[in-house]
Amino acid sequence: MLTLDGISVAYGAVEVLHGVSLRVEAGELVCLLGANGAGKSTTVRAISGLLRPTAGRISFLGERLDGRPAHAVLERGIAQCPEGRRIFPEMNVLENLEMGAYVRGGQGARPEDLERVFHHFPRLKERLGQLGGTLSGGEQQMLAIARALMSRPRFLMLDEPSLGIMPRLVDSILEALAQIHRAEGLAMFLVEQNVPAALDLATRGYVLQTGRVVLEGSSRELLDSELVRKAYLGI
């Protein structure tokens, strides 16, 4: 479904991704693991069209994406839930959700789309008129995911969804993602520093170190890997 073939990305003269290759098949939930500065968010931004690779190829459903602007990537069905949530703080919950449906033009936010996200995140329904900036961190993360779902994506990317959120709400958010994946078969690409949670959720994963993929395999294989156990689990 999604394929990265040897992509490199630079910020100015500094190359931060060096020939990264990975794939996500239809219906899969794949995670990308790595420490701060490994290049995880850069990978997501390259896929979404916010950064242009200096080398390599990104393909989605057989169509080449690298070099296309971000809005064109979204229109093809790839939605991103960014690190730090980045909701619209001066808009209320409903307005944030309506912005997620904007890419669909005249269709807008249909009632069935709203009910779909309220099913997975019922707390948002209770706060429809509340300004996004007054929500808790966990509620803002729910809103950011729900906003991405409002575009009816075929592929959902999540960048550090557990970052800065109390553990109780992290469990609720990750369980909602698991339910969405199971119920809808939506392909997901999860970037996460919480390695145990990511590997519990995903079926396969990749480990990124200093801009290079150094390991890939099933979640079980990664959990059993000495590199993962020492570097990320402290075992």
C-alpha atoms as a PDB file:
ATOM      1  CA  MET A   1       0.000   0.000   0.000  1.00  0.00           C
ATOM      2  CA  LEU A   2       2.704   2.460   1.095  1.00  0.00           C
ATOM      3  CA  THR A   3       6.325   1.976   0.096  1.00  0.00           C
ATOM      4  CA  LEU A   4       9.410   4.021   0.906  1.00  0.00           C
ATOM      5  CA  ASP A   5      12.326   3.034  -1.276  1.00  0.00           C
ATOM      6  CA  GLY A   6      15.701   4.446  -0.221  1.00  0.00           C
ATOM      7  CA  ILE A   7      14.513   7.921   0.742  1.00  0.00           C
ATOM      8  CA  SER A   8      16.930  10.536   2.039  1.00  0.00           C
ATOM      9  CA  VAL A   9      15.855  13.851   3.558  1.00  0.00           C
ATOM     10  CA  ALA A  10      17.938  16.880   4.508  1.00  0.00           C
ATOM     11  CA  TYR A  11      17.406  20.078   6.458  1.00  0.00           C
ATOM     12  CA  GLY A  12      19.574  22.472   4.514  1.00  0.00           C
ATOM     13  CA  ALA A  13      22.996  20.871   4.164  1.00  0.00           C
ATOM     14  CA  VAL A  14      22.382  18.357   6.955  1.00  0.00           C
ATOM     15  CA  GLU A  15      21.029  14.976   5.838  1.00  0.00           C
ATOM     16  CA  VAL A  16      18.884  13.373   8.537  1.00  0.00           C
ATOM     17  CA  LEU A  17      17.434  10.357   6.700  1.00  0.00           C
ATOM     18  CA  HIS A  18      19.836   8.096   4.838  1.00  0.00           C
ATOM     19  CA  GLY A  19      18.243   5.688   2.378  1.00  0.00           C
ATOM     20  CA  VAL A  20      15.227   4.660   4.470  1.00  0.00           C
ATOM     21  CA  SER A  21      13.133   1.822   3.051  1.00  0.00           C
ATOM     22  CA  LEU A  22       9.942   0.420   4.576  1.00  0.00           C
ATOM     23  CA  ARG A  23       6.459  -0.702   3.610  1.00  0.00           C
ATOM     24  CA  VAL A  24       2.945  -0.866   5.034  1.00  0.00           C
ATOM     25  CA  GLU A  25       0.456  -3.234   3.446  1.00  0.00           C
ATOM     26  CA  ALA A  26      -3.305  -2.711   3.280  1.00  0.00           C
ATOM     27  CA  GLY A  27      -4.921  -3.325   6.659  1.00  0.00           C
ATOM     28  CA  GLU A  28      -1.624  -3.428   8.556  1.00  0.00           C
ATOM     29  CA  LEU A  29      -0.677  -1.510  11.678  1.00  0.00           C
ATOM     30  CA  VAL A  30       3.078  -0.919  11.520  1.00  0.00           C
ATOM     31  CA  CYS A  31       5.177   0.978  14.059  1.00  0.00           C
ATOM     32  CA  LEU A  32       8.368   2.992  13.689  1.00  0.00           C
ATOM     33  CA  LEU A  33      10.537   2.989  16.802  1.00  0.00           C
ATOM     34  CA  GLY A  34      13.527   5.085  17.725  1.00  0.00           C
ATOM     35  CA  ALA A  35      14.978   7.573  20.172  1.00  0.00           C
ATOM     36  CA  ASN A  36      14.604  11.342  19.986  1.00  0.00           C
ATOM     37  CA  GLY A  37      16.408  12.651  16.926  1.00  0.00           C
ATOM     38  CA  ALA A  38      16.404   9.313  15.106  1.00  0.00           C
ATOM     39  CA  GLY A  39      14.368  10.741  12.218  1.00  0.00           C
ATOM     40  CA  LYS A  40      10.919   9.322  12.989  1.00  0.00           C
ATOM     41  CA  SER A  41       8.970  12.566  12.609  1.00  0.00           C
ATOM     42  CA  THR A  42      11.027  13.468   9.549  1.00  0.00           C
ATOM     43  CA  THR A  43       9.921  10.204   7.961  1.00  0.00           C
ATOM     44  CA  VAL A  44       6.268  11.024   8.618  1.00  0.00           C
ATOM     45  CA  ARG A  45       6.668  14.572   7.307  1.00  0.00           C
ATOM     46  CA  ALA A  46       8.283  13.250   4.133  1.00  0.00           C
ATOM     47  CA  ILE A  47       5.384  10.860   3.535  1.00  0.00           C
ATOM     48  CA  SER A  48       2.816  13.609   4.128  1.00  0.00           C
ATOM     49  CA  GLY A  49       4.487  15.977   1.669  1.00  0.00           C
ATOM     50  CA  LEU A  50       5.708  18.501   4.217  1.00  0.00           C
ATOM     51  CA  LEU A  51       9.321  17.629   3.352  1.00  0.00           C
ATOM     52  CA  ARG A  52      10.693  16.699  -0.059  1.00  0.00           C
ATOM     53  CA  PRO A  53      13.161  13.794  -0.186  1.00  0.00           C
ATOM     54  CA  THR A  54      16.526  14.468  -1.782  1.00  0.00           C
ATOM     55  CA  ALA A  55      16.676  10.886  -3.023  1.00  0.00           C
ATOM     56  CA  GLY A  56      14.509   7.792  -3.216  1.00  0.00           C
ATOM     57  CA  ARG A  57      10.842   7.179  -3.944  1.00  0.00           C
ATOM     58  CA  ILE A  58       7.583   7.197  -1.963  1.00  0.00           C
ATOM     59  CA  SER A  59       4.640   5.321  -3.479  1.00  0.00           C
ATOM     60  CA  PHE A  60       1.049   4.916  -2.321  1.00  0.00           C
ATOM     61  CA  LEU A  61      -1.246   2.440  -4.048  1.00  0.00           C
ATOM     62  CA  GLY A  62       1.166   2.353  -6.962  1.00  0.00           C
ATOM     63  CA  GLU A  63       1.263   6.141  -7.409  1.00  0.00           C
ATOM     64  CA  ARG A  64       4.422   8.126  -6.786  1.00  0.00           C
ATOM     65  CA  LEU A  65       3.970  10.693  -3.993  1.00  0.00           C
ATOM     66  CA  ASP A  66       7.366  12.243  -3.354  1.00  0.00           C
ATOM     67  CA  GLY A  67       7.433  15.781  -4.670  1.00  0.00           C
ATOM     68  CA  ARG A  68       3.676  16.262  -4.341  1.00  0.00           C
ATOM     69  CA  PRO A  69       2.398  19.008  -2.003  1.00  0.00           C
ATOM     70  CA  ALA A  70       0.842  18.085   1.343  1.00  0.00           C
ATOM     71  CA  HIS A  71      -2.733  18.845   0.271  1.00  0.00           C
ATOM     72  CA  ALA A  72      -2.405  16.458  -2.685  1.00  0.00           C
ATOM     73  CA  VAL A  73      -1.158  13.691  -0.374  1.00  0.00           C
ATOM     74  CA  LEU A  74      -4.138  14.216   1.936  1.00  0.00           C
ATOM     75  CA  GLU A  75      -6.533  14.184  -1.009  1.00  0.00           C
ATOM     76  CA  ARG A  76      -5.196  10.750  -1.959  1.00  0.00           C
ATOM     77  CA  GLY A  77      -6.218   9.364   1.418  1.00  0.00           C
ATOM     78  CA  ILE A  78      -3.199   9.775   3.722  1.00  0.00           C
ATOM     79  CA  ALA A  79      -4.044  11.626   6.937  1.00  0.00           C
ATOM     80  CA  GLN A  80      -1.571  12.611   9.640  1.00  0.00           C
ATOM     81  CA  CYS A  81      -2.097  13.099  13.355  1.00  0.00           C
ATOM     82  CA  PRO A  82       0.978  15.224  14.113  1.00  0.00           C
ATOM     83  CA  GLU A  83       3.260  15.219  17.110  1.00  0.00           C
ATOM     84  CA  GLY A  84       2.067  17.766  19.652  1.00  0.00           C
ATOM     85  CA  ARG A  85      -1.549  17.390  18.449  1.00  0.00           C
ATOM     86  CA  ARG A  86      -1.738  20.852  16.787  1.00  0.00           C
ATOM     87  CA  ILE A  87      -5.462  21.295  17.096  1.00  0.00           C
ATOM     88  CA  PHE A  88      -7.029  24.708  16.518  1.00  0.00           C
ATOM     89  CA  PRO A  89      -7.168  26.084  20.084  1.00  0.00           C
ATOM     90  CA  GLU A  90      -9.559  28.966  19.361  1.00  0.00           C
ATOM     91  CA  MET A  91     -12.064  26.693  17.630  1.00  0.00           C
ATOM     92  CA  ASN A  92     -14.444  24.446  19.535  1.00  0.00           C
ATOM     93  CA  VAL A  93     -14.445  20.670  19.245  1.00  0.00           C
ATOM     94  CA  LEU A  94     -17.099  20.563  16.516  1.00  0.00           C
ATOM     95  CA  GLU A  95     -15.291  23.198  14.447  1.00  0.00           C
ATOM     96  CA  ASN A  96     -12.028  21.255  14.728  1.00  0.00           C
ATOM     97  CA  LEU A  97     -13.801  18.146  13.486  1.00  0.00           C
ATOM     98  CA  GLU A  98     -15.367  20.066  10.617  1.00  0.00           C
ATOM     99  CA  MET A  99     -11.892  21.222   9.598  1.00  0.00           C
ATOM    100  CA  GLY A 100     -10.889  17.577   9.320  1.00  0.00           C
ATOM    101  CA  ALA A 101     -13.635  17.065   6.756  1.00  0.00           C
ATOM    102  CA  TYR A 102     -12.638  20.147   4.761  1.00  0.00           C
ATOM    103  CA  VAL A 103     -10.602  18.119   2.254  1.00  0.00           C
ATOM    104  CA  ARG A 104     -13.823  16.435   1.114  1.00  0.00           C
ATOM    105  CA  GLY A 105     -15.156  19.714  -0.234  1.00  0.00           C
ATOM    106  CA  GLY A 106     -18.921  19.967  -0.459  1.00  0.00           C
ATOM    107  CA  GLN A 107     -19.496  16.735   1.459  1.00  0.00           C
ATOM    108  CA  GLY A 108     -18.403  18.409   4.692  1.00  0.00           C
ATOM    109  CA  ALA A 109     -18.848  16.813   8.107  1.00  0.00           C
ATOM    110  CA  ARG A 110     -21.688  14.338   7.740  1.00  0.00           C
ATOM    111  CA  PRO A 111     -23.614  13.150  10.821  1.00  0.00           C
ATOM    112  CA  GLU A 112     -22.439   9.573  10.271  1.00  0.00           C
ATOM    113  CA  ASP A 113     -18.814  10.731  10.333  1.00  0.00           C
ATOM    114  CA  LEU A 114     -19.363  12.533  13.619  1.00  0.00           C
ATOM    115  CA  GLU A 115     -21.092   9.525  15.139  1.00  0.00           C
ATOM    116  CA  ARG A 116     -18.191   7.343  14.012  1.00  0.00           C
ATOM    117  CA  VAL A 117     -15.618   9.427  15.900  1.00  0.00           C
ATOM    118  CA  PHE A 118     -17.935   9.834  18.910  1.00  0.00           C
ATOM    119  CA  HIS A 119     -18.235   6.051  19.069  1.00  0.00           C
ATOM    120  CA  HIS A 120     -14.486   5.756  19.506  1.00  0.00           C
ATOM    121  CA  PHE A 121     -14.026   8.951  21.535  1.00  0.00           C
ATOM    122  CA  PRO A 122     -17.300   9.565  23.450  1.00  0.00           C
ATOM    123  CA  ARG A 123     -15.667  12.251  25.576  1.00  0.00           C
ATOM    124  CA  LEU A 124     -15.567  14.534  22.524  1.00  0.00           C
ATOM    125  CA  LYS A 125     -19.342  14.405  22.168  1.00  0.00           C
ATOM    126  CA  GLU A 126     -19.642  15.737  25.719  1.00  0.00           C
ATOM    127  CA  ARG A 127     -17.398  18.691  24.821  1.00  0.00           C
ATOM    128  CA  LEU A 128     -18.658  19.701  21.377  1.00  0.00           C
ATOM    129  CA  GLY A 129     -18.913  23.394  22.212  1.00  0.00           C
ATOM    130  CA  GLN A 130     -15.734  23.592  24.273  1.00  0.00           C
ATOM    131  CA  LEU A 131     -12.709  25.400  22.858  1.00  0.00           C
ATOM    132  CA  GLY A 132      -9.929  23.037  21.815  1.00  0.00           C
ATOM    133  CA  GLY A 133      -7.340  24.945  23.793  1.00  0.00           C
ATOM    134  CA  THR A 134      -9.213  24.333  27.058  1.00  0.00           C
ATOM    135  CA  LEU A 135      -9.204  20.530  26.708  1.00  0.00           C
ATOM    136  CA  SER A 136      -6.763  18.374  28.628  1.00  0.00           C
ATOM    137  CA  GLY A 137      -3.753  16.980  26.792  1.00  0.00           C
ATOM    138  CA  GLY A 138      -5.384  13.580  26.423  1.00  0.00           C
ATOM    139  CA  GLU A 139      -8.631  15.096  25.166  1.00  0.00           C
ATOM    140  CA  GLN A 140      -6.696  17.183  22.644  1.00  0.00           C
ATOM    141  CA  GLN A 141      -5.020  14.006  21.397  1.00  0.00           C
ATOM    142  CA  MET A 142      -8.407  12.354  20.988  1.00  0.00           C
ATOM    143  CA  LEU A 143      -9.548  15.408  19.036  1.00  0.00           C
ATOM    144  CA  ALA A 144      -6.457  15.343  16.805  1.00  0.00           C
ATOM    145  CA  ILE A 145      -7.057  11.686  15.928  1.00  0.00           C
ATOM    146  CA  ALA A 146     -10.770  12.252  15.394  1.00  0.00           C
ATOM    147  CA  ARG A 147     -10.046  15.267  13.171  1.00  0.00           C
ATOM    148  CA  ALA A 148      -7.795  13.091  10.998  1.00  0.00           C
ATOM    149  CA  LEU A 149     -10.495  10.411  10.798  1.00  0.00           C
ATOM    150  CA  MET A 150     -13.018  12.976   9.574  1.00  0.00           C
ATOM    151  CA  SER A 151     -11.219  13.060   6.219  1.00  0.00           C
ATOM    152  CA  ARG A 152     -12.115   9.361   5.774  1.00  0.00           C
ATOM    153  CA  PRO A 153      -8.485   8.360   5.186  1.00  0.00           C
ATOM    154  CA  ARG A 154      -7.336   5.134   3.645  1.00  0.00           C
ATOM    155  CA  PHE A 155      -4.070   5.413   5.577  1.00  0.00           C
ATOM    156  CA  LEU A 156      -3.573   7.046   8.992  1.00  0.00           C
ATOM    157  CA  MET A 157      -0.210   8.184  10.371  1.00  0.00           C
ATOM    158  CA  LEU A 158       0.147   8.886  14.090  1.00  0.00           C
ATOM    159  CA  ASP A 159       3.209  10.725  15.390  1.00  0.00           C
ATOM    160  CA  GLU A 160       3.818  10.116  19.114  1.00  0.00           C
ATOM    161  CA  PRO A 161       0.153   9.863  20.210  1.00  0.00           C
ATOM    162  CA  SER A 162       1.146   9.058  23.830  1.00  0.00           C
ATOM    163  CA  LEU A 163       3.564  11.974  24.255  1.00  0.00           C
ATOM    164  CA  GLY A 164       2.831  14.195  27.266  1.00  0.00           C
ATOM    165  CA  ILE A 165      -0.398  12.406  28.234  1.00  0.00           C
ATOM    166  CA  MET A 166      -1.240  10.850  31.589  1.00  0.00           C
ATOM    167  CA  PRO A 167      -0.993   7.019  31.534  1.00  0.00           C
ATOM    168  CA  ARG A 168      -4.715   6.523  32.182  1.00  0.00           C
ATOM    169  CA  LEU A 169      -5.648   8.377  29.000  1.00  0.00           C
ATOM    170  CA  VAL A 170      -2.796   6.824  27.003  1.00  0.00           C
ATOM    171  CA  ASP A 171      -4.363   3.398  27.565  1.00  0.00           C
ATOM    172  CA  SER A 172      -7.764   4.721  26.466  1.00  0.00           C
ATOM    173  CA  ILE A 173      -6.358   6.313  23.299  1.00  0.00           C
ATOM    174  CA  LEU A 174      -4.328   3.269  22.286  1.00  0.00           C
ATOM    175  CA  GLU A 175      -7.308   0.987  22.883  1.00  0.00           C
ATOM    176  CA  ALA A 176      -9.437   3.229  20.648  1.00  0.00           C
ATOM    177  CA  LEU A 177      -6.821   2.948  17.905  1.00  0.00           C
ATOM    178  CA  ALA A 178      -6.818  -0.832  18.276  1.00  0.00           C
ATOM    179  CA  GLN A 179     -10.619  -0.869  17.996  1.00  0.00           C
ATOM    180  CA  ILE A 180     -10.556   1.299  14.871  1.00  0.00           C
ATOM    181  CA  HIS A 181      -7.962  -0.977  13.294  1.00  0.00           C
ATOM    182  CA  ARG A 182      -9.871  -4.144  14.162  1.00  0.00           C
ATOM    183  CA  ALA A 183     -13.301  -2.844  13.172  1.00  0.00           C
ATOM    184  CA  GLU A 184     -12.396  -0.964   9.990  1.00  0.00           C
ATOM    185  CA  GLY A 185      -9.144  -2.526   8.828  1.00  0.00           C
ATOM    186  CA  LEU A 186      -7.694   0.964   8.463  1.00  0.00           C
ATOM    187  CA  ALA A 187      -3.984   0.851   7.641  1.00  0.00           C
ATOM    188  CA  MET A 188      -1.950   2.733  10.256  1.00  0.00           C
ATOM    189  CA  PHE A 189       1.640   3.857  10.640  1.00  0.00           C
ATOM    190  CA  LEU A 190       2.483   4.520  14.283  1.00  0.00           C
ATOM    191  CA  VAL A 191       5.540   6.514  15.378  1.00  0.00           C
ATOM    192  CA  GLU A 192       6.084   6.003  19.071  1.00  0.00           C
ATOM    193  CA  GLN A 193       8.749   6.192  21.788  1.00  0.00           C
ATOM    194  CA  ASN A 194       6.654   4.045  24.119  1.00  0.00           C
ATOM    195  CA  VAL A 195       8.105   0.822  22.739  1.00  0.00           C
ATOM    196  CA  PRO A 196       6.090  -1.737  24.763  1.00  0.00           C
ATOM    197  CA  ALA A 197       2.808   0.011  23.901  1.00  0.00           C
ATOM    198  CA  ALA A 198       3.717   0.320  20.219  1.00  0.00           C
ATOM    199  CA  LEU A 199       4.723  -3.320  19.871  1.00  0.00           C
ATOM    200  CA  ASP A 200       1.616  -4.434  21.721  1.00  0.00           C
ATOM    201  CA  LEU A 201      -0.517  -2.531  19.216  1.00  0.00           C
ATOM    202  CA  ALA A 202       1.369  -3.213  15.967  1.00  0.00           C
ATOM    203  CA  THR A 203       1.956  -6.441  14.093  1.00  0.00           C
ATOM    204  CA  ARG A 204       5.241  -5.348  12.529  1.00  0.00           C
ATOM    205  CA  GLY A 205       7.775  -2.644  13.075  1.00  0.00           C
ATOM    206  CA  TYR A 206      10.990  -0.913  12.109  1.00  0.00           C
ATOM    207  CA  VAL A 207      13.734   0.530  14.308  1.00  0.00           C
ATOM    208  CA  LEU A 208      15.318   3.794  13.188  1.00  0.00           C
ATOM    209  CA  GLN A 209      18.711   4.953  14.484  1.00  0.00           C
ATOM    210  CA  THR A 210      20.399   8.167  13.324  1.00  0.00           C
ATOM    211  CA  GLY A 211      18.333   8.229  10.159  1.00  0.00           C
ATOM    212  CA  ARG A 212      18.790   4.592   9.134  1.00  0.00           C
ATOM    213  CA  VAL A 213      16.594   1.514   9.502  1.00  0.00           C
ATOM    214  CA  VAL A 214      18.686  -0.866  11.574  1.00  0.00           C
ATOM    215  CA  LEU A 215      16.091  -3.536  12.345  1.00  0.00           C
ATOM    216  CA  GLU A 216      12.712  -4.734  11.129  1.00  0.00           C
ATOM    217  CA  GLY A 217      10.455  -7.639  11.950  1.00  0.00           C
ATOM    218  CA  SER A 218       7.279  -8.779  13.652  1.00  0.00           C
ATOM    219  CA  SER A 219       6.417  -7.287  17.022  1.00  0.00           C
ATOM    220  CA  ARG A 220       7.466 -10.539  18.682  1.00  0.00           C
ATOM    221  CA  GLU A 221      10.800 -10.529  16.872  1.00  0.00           C
ATOM    222  CA  LEU A 222      11.470  -6.934  17.883  1.00  0.00           C
ATOM    223  CA  LEU A 223      10.559  -7.608  21.512  1.00  0.00           C
ATOM    224  CA  ASP A 224      13.003 -10.525  21.512  1.00  0.00           C
ATOM    225  CA  SER A 225      15.746  -8.481  19.842  1.00  0.00           C
ATOM    226  CA  GLU A 226      18.756  -7.747  22.003  1.00  0.00           C
ATOM    227  CA  LEU A 227      19.046  -4.287  20.428  1.00  0.00           C
ATOM    228  CA  VAL A 228      15.468  -3.352  21.347  1.00  0.00           C
ATOM    229  CA  ARG A 229      15.680  -4.879  24.814  1.00  0.00           C
ATOM    230  CA  LYS A 230      18.878  -3.035  25.695  1.00  0.00           C
ATOM    231  CA  ALA A 231      18.306   0.273  23.942  1.00  0.00           C
ATOM    232  CA  TYR A 232      14.585   0.793  24.528  1.00  0.00           C
ATOM    233  CA  LEU A 233      13.388  -1.549  27.268  1.00  0.00           C
ATOM    234  CA  GLY A 234      16.338  -1.309  29.636  1.00  0.00           C
ATOM    235  CA  ILE A 235      16.666  -5.090  29.900  1.00  0.00           C
END
